[in-house]
Amino acid sequence: QVQLVESGGGLVQPGGSLTLSCAVFGGTLDTYAIGWFRRAPGKEREKVSCTISDDETWYTDSVKGRFTISRDSMKNTVYLQMNSLKPEDTAVYYCRWSEYWGQGTQVTVSS
């Protein structure tokens, strides 16, 4: 049974940083691409970033230069390093691997 477990969300001031983690259980991370999505209050779900290898990454325009996605195949885990956070980054963040979704982790950027 495949399970994605996210962690690392929280409350941070504007300009701060957070690192999200998503561990894949019951599957091999490198089998598929893995991505991060977010849903802000009152908005549709948005794809934030994805990666299929260390050399192949994608970011939505609003996070380019601020967010970095990385993967540790030995730990079966993907990370999202988020720097220079803005209030508009406030959302529940989800990871997706194949057809499986994590439970979500809340990120709140507020002073």
C-alpha atoms as a PDB file:
ATOM      1  CA  GLN A   1       0.000   0.000   0.000  1.00  0.00           C
ATOM      2  CA  VAL A   2       1.426   3.312  -1.088  1.00  0.00           C
ATOM      3  CA  GLN A   3       1.420   6.203   1.352  1.00  0.00           C
ATOM      4  CA  LEU A   4       2.840   9.703   1.061  1.00  0.00           C
ATOM      5  CA  VAL A   5       3.655  11.433   4.343  1.00  0.00           C
ATOM      6  CA  GLU A   6       4.317  15.162   4.357  1.00  0.00           C
ATOM      7  CA  SER A   7       5.865  17.283   7.069  1.00  0.00           C
ATOM      8  CA  GLY A   8       7.514  20.652   7.617  1.00  0.00           C
ATOM      9  CA  GLY A   9       4.661  23.112   7.378  1.00  0.00           C
ATOM     10  CA  GLY A  10       4.062  25.854   9.893  1.00  0.00           C
ATOM     11  CA  LEU A  11       3.770  29.554  10.574  1.00  0.00           C
ATOM     12  CA  VAL A  12       6.532  31.816   9.314  1.00  0.00           C
ATOM     13  CA  GLN A  13       6.966  35.557   8.912  1.00  0.00           C
ATOM     14  CA  PRO A  14       7.236  37.133   5.465  1.00  0.00           C
ATOM     15  CA  GLY A  15      10.754  36.701   4.149  1.00  0.00           C
ATOM     16  CA  GLY A  16      11.255  33.540   6.157  1.00  0.00           C
ATOM     17  CA  SER A  17      11.978  29.985   5.063  1.00  0.00           C
ATOM     18  CA  LEU A  18      10.493  26.534   5.450  1.00  0.00           C
ATOM     19  CA  THR A  19      11.404  23.121   4.103  1.00  0.00           C
ATOM     20  CA  LEU A  20       8.668  20.635   3.320  1.00  0.00           C
ATOM     21  CA  SER A  21       9.313  16.906   3.123  1.00  0.00           C
ATOM     22  CA  CYS A  22       7.326  14.154   1.441  1.00  0.00           C
ATOM     23  CA  ALA A  23       8.291  10.551   2.122  1.00  0.00           C
ATOM     24  CA  VAL A  24       7.032   7.777  -0.158  1.00  0.00           C
ATOM     25  CA  PHE A  25       6.186   4.481   1.515  1.00  0.00           C
ATOM     26  CA  GLY A  26       5.280   1.340  -0.397  1.00  0.00           C
ATOM     27  CA  GLY A  27       6.877   2.450  -3.649  1.00  0.00           C
ATOM     28  CA  THR A  28      10.162   3.536  -5.194  1.00  0.00           C
ATOM     29  CA  LEU A  29      10.443   7.291  -5.562  1.00  0.00           C
ATOM     30  CA  ASP A  30      12.432   7.162  -8.795  1.00  0.00           C
ATOM     31  CA  THR A  31       9.717   5.205 -10.614  1.00  0.00           C
ATOM     32  CA  TYR A  32       7.688   8.333 -11.355  1.00  0.00           C
ATOM     33  CA  ALA A  33       7.951  12.090 -11.295  1.00  0.00           C
ATOM     34  CA  ILE A  34       6.874  13.711  -8.046  1.00  0.00           C
ATOM     35  CA  GLY A  35       5.354  17.106  -7.557  1.00  0.00           C
ATOM     36  CA  TRP A  36       4.201  19.675  -5.056  1.00  0.00           C
ATOM     37  CA  PHE A  37       0.809  21.345  -5.312  1.00  0.00           C
ATOM     38  CA  ARG A  38      -0.928  23.885  -3.131  1.00  0.00           C
ATOM     39  CA  ARG A  39      -4.442  25.111  -2.475  1.00  0.00           C
ATOM     40  CA  ALA A  40      -4.908  28.564  -1.027  1.00  0.00           C
ATOM     41  CA  PRO A  41      -8.178  29.581   0.655  1.00  0.00           C
ATOM     42  CA  GLY A  42     -10.793  30.342  -1.970  1.00  0.00           C
ATOM     43  CA  LYS A  43      -8.532  29.342  -4.850  1.00  0.00           C
ATOM     44  CA  GLU A  44      -8.105  26.317  -7.075  1.00  0.00           C
ATOM     45  CA  ARG A  45      -5.307  23.845  -6.570  1.00  0.00           C
ATOM     46  CA  GLU A  46      -2.087  24.991  -8.197  1.00  0.00           C
ATOM     47  CA  LYS A  47       0.936  23.004  -9.302  1.00  0.00           C
ATOM     48  CA  VAL A  48       4.020  24.487  -7.659  1.00  0.00           C
ATOM     49  CA  SER A  49       6.963  22.314  -8.663  1.00  0.00           C
ATOM     50  CA  CYS A  50       7.879  18.863  -9.876  1.00  0.00           C
ATOM     51  CA  THR A  51      10.912  16.736 -10.575  1.00  0.00           C
ATOM     52  CA  ILE A  52      11.705  13.466 -12.267  1.00  0.00           C
ATOM     53  CA  SER A  53      15.437  13.638 -11.706  1.00  0.00           C
ATOM     54  CA  ASP A  54      18.017  15.970 -10.216  1.00  0.00           C
ATOM     55  CA  ASP A  55      18.465  17.562 -13.628  1.00  0.00           C
ATOM     56  CA  GLU A  56      14.821  17.842 -14.560  1.00  0.00           C
ATOM     57  CA  THR A  57      12.800  20.256 -12.457  1.00  0.00           C
ATOM     58  CA  TRP A  58       9.911  22.615 -13.103  1.00  0.00           C
ATOM     59  CA  TYR A  59       8.527  25.564 -11.132  1.00  0.00           C
ATOM     60  CA  THR A  60       5.519  27.753 -11.544  1.00  0.00           C
ATOM     61  CA  ASP A  61       6.519  31.331 -12.311  1.00  0.00           C
ATOM     62  CA  SER A  62       5.488  32.749  -8.959  1.00  0.00           C
ATOM     63  CA  VAL A  63       8.027  30.635  -7.028  1.00  0.00           C
ATOM     64  CA  LYS A  64      10.973  30.612  -9.440  1.00  0.00           C
ATOM     65  CA  GLY A  65      14.128  31.743  -7.704  1.00  0.00           C
ATOM     66  CA  ARG A  66      12.580  31.243  -4.257  1.00  0.00           C
ATOM     67  CA  PHE A  67      11.660  27.549  -4.067  1.00  0.00           C
ATOM     68  CA  THR A  68      13.931  24.565  -4.716  1.00  0.00           C
ATOM     69  CA  ILE A  69      12.777  20.996  -5.167  1.00  0.00           C
ATOM     70  CA  SER A  70      15.165  18.142  -4.458  1.00  0.00           C
ATOM     71  CA  ARG A  71      15.018  14.404  -3.982  1.00  0.00           C
ATOM     72  CA  ASP A  72      16.858  11.839  -1.912  1.00  0.00           C
ATOM     73  CA  SER A  73      16.404   8.468  -3.539  1.00  0.00           C
ATOM     74  CA  MET A  74      18.015   6.635  -0.632  1.00  0.00           C
ATOM     75  CA  LYS A  75      15.414   8.068   1.719  1.00  0.00           C
ATOM     76  CA  ASN A  76      12.596   7.881  -0.839  1.00  0.00           C
ATOM     77  CA  THR A  77      11.871  11.491   0.005  1.00  0.00           C
ATOM     78  CA  VAL A  78      11.349  14.725  -1.902  1.00  0.00           C
ATOM     79  CA  TYR A  79      11.882  18.160  -0.384  1.00  0.00           C
ATOM     80  CA  LEU A  80      10.661  21.659  -1.161  1.00  0.00           C
ATOM     81  CA  GLN A  81      12.940  24.364   0.188  1.00  0.00           C
ATOM     82  CA  MET A  82      10.939  27.593   0.338  1.00  0.00           C
ATOM     83  CA  ASN A  83      12.788  30.886   0.822  1.00  0.00           C
ATOM     84  CA  SER A  84      11.670  34.518   0.792  1.00  0.00           C
ATOM     85  CA  LEU A  85       8.155  33.425   1.639  1.00  0.00           C
ATOM     86  CA  LYS A  86       5.282  35.798   0.937  1.00  0.00           C
ATOM     87  CA  PRO A  87       1.775  35.973   2.388  1.00  0.00           C
ATOM     88  CA  GLU A  88       0.444  34.779  -0.971  1.00  0.00           C
ATOM     89  CA  ASP A  89       2.346  31.502  -0.452  1.00  0.00           C
ATOM     90  CA  THR A  90      -0.088  30.667   2.350  1.00  0.00           C
ATOM     91  CA  ALA A  91      -1.803  27.415   1.424  1.00  0.00           C
ATOM     92  CA  VAL A  92      -2.090  23.737   2.158  1.00  0.00           C
ATOM     93  CA  TYR A  93       0.760  22.033   0.326  1.00  0.00           C
ATOM     94  CA  TYR A  94       0.382  18.524  -1.073  1.00  0.00           C
ATOM     95  CA  CYS A  95       2.799  16.156  -2.751  1.00  0.00           C
ATOM     96  CA  ARG A  96       1.710  13.869  -5.544  1.00  0.00           C
ATOM     97  CA  TRP A  97       3.451  10.724  -6.799  1.00  0.00           C
ATOM     98  CA  SER A  98       1.772   8.720  -9.558  1.00  0.00           C
ATOM     99  CA  GLU A  99      -1.928   8.815  -8.624  1.00  0.00           C
ATOM    100  CA  TYR A 100      -1.238   9.115  -4.914  1.00  0.00           C
ATOM    101  CA  TRP A 101      -1.540  12.254  -2.805  1.00  0.00           C
ATOM    102  CA  GLY A 102      -0.223  13.186   0.605  1.00  0.00           C
ATOM    103  CA  GLN A 103      -2.473  14.408   3.384  1.00  0.00           C
ATOM    104  CA  GLY A 104      -1.307  18.002   3.050  1.00  0.00           C
ATOM    105  CA  THR A 105       0.640  20.320   5.311  1.00  0.00           C
ATOM    106  CA  GLN A 106      -0.378  23.880   6.166  1.00  0.00           C
ATOM    107  CA  VAL A 107       1.979  26.741   5.376  1.00  0.00           C
ATOM    108  CA  THR A 108       1.009  30.132   6.772  1.00  0.00           C
ATOM    109  CA  VAL A 109       3.046  33.242   6.000  1.00  0.00           C
ATOM    110  CA  SER A 110       2.026  36.087   8.248  1.00  0.00           C
ATOM    111  CA  SER A 111       3.481  38.741  10.498  1.00  0.00           C
END
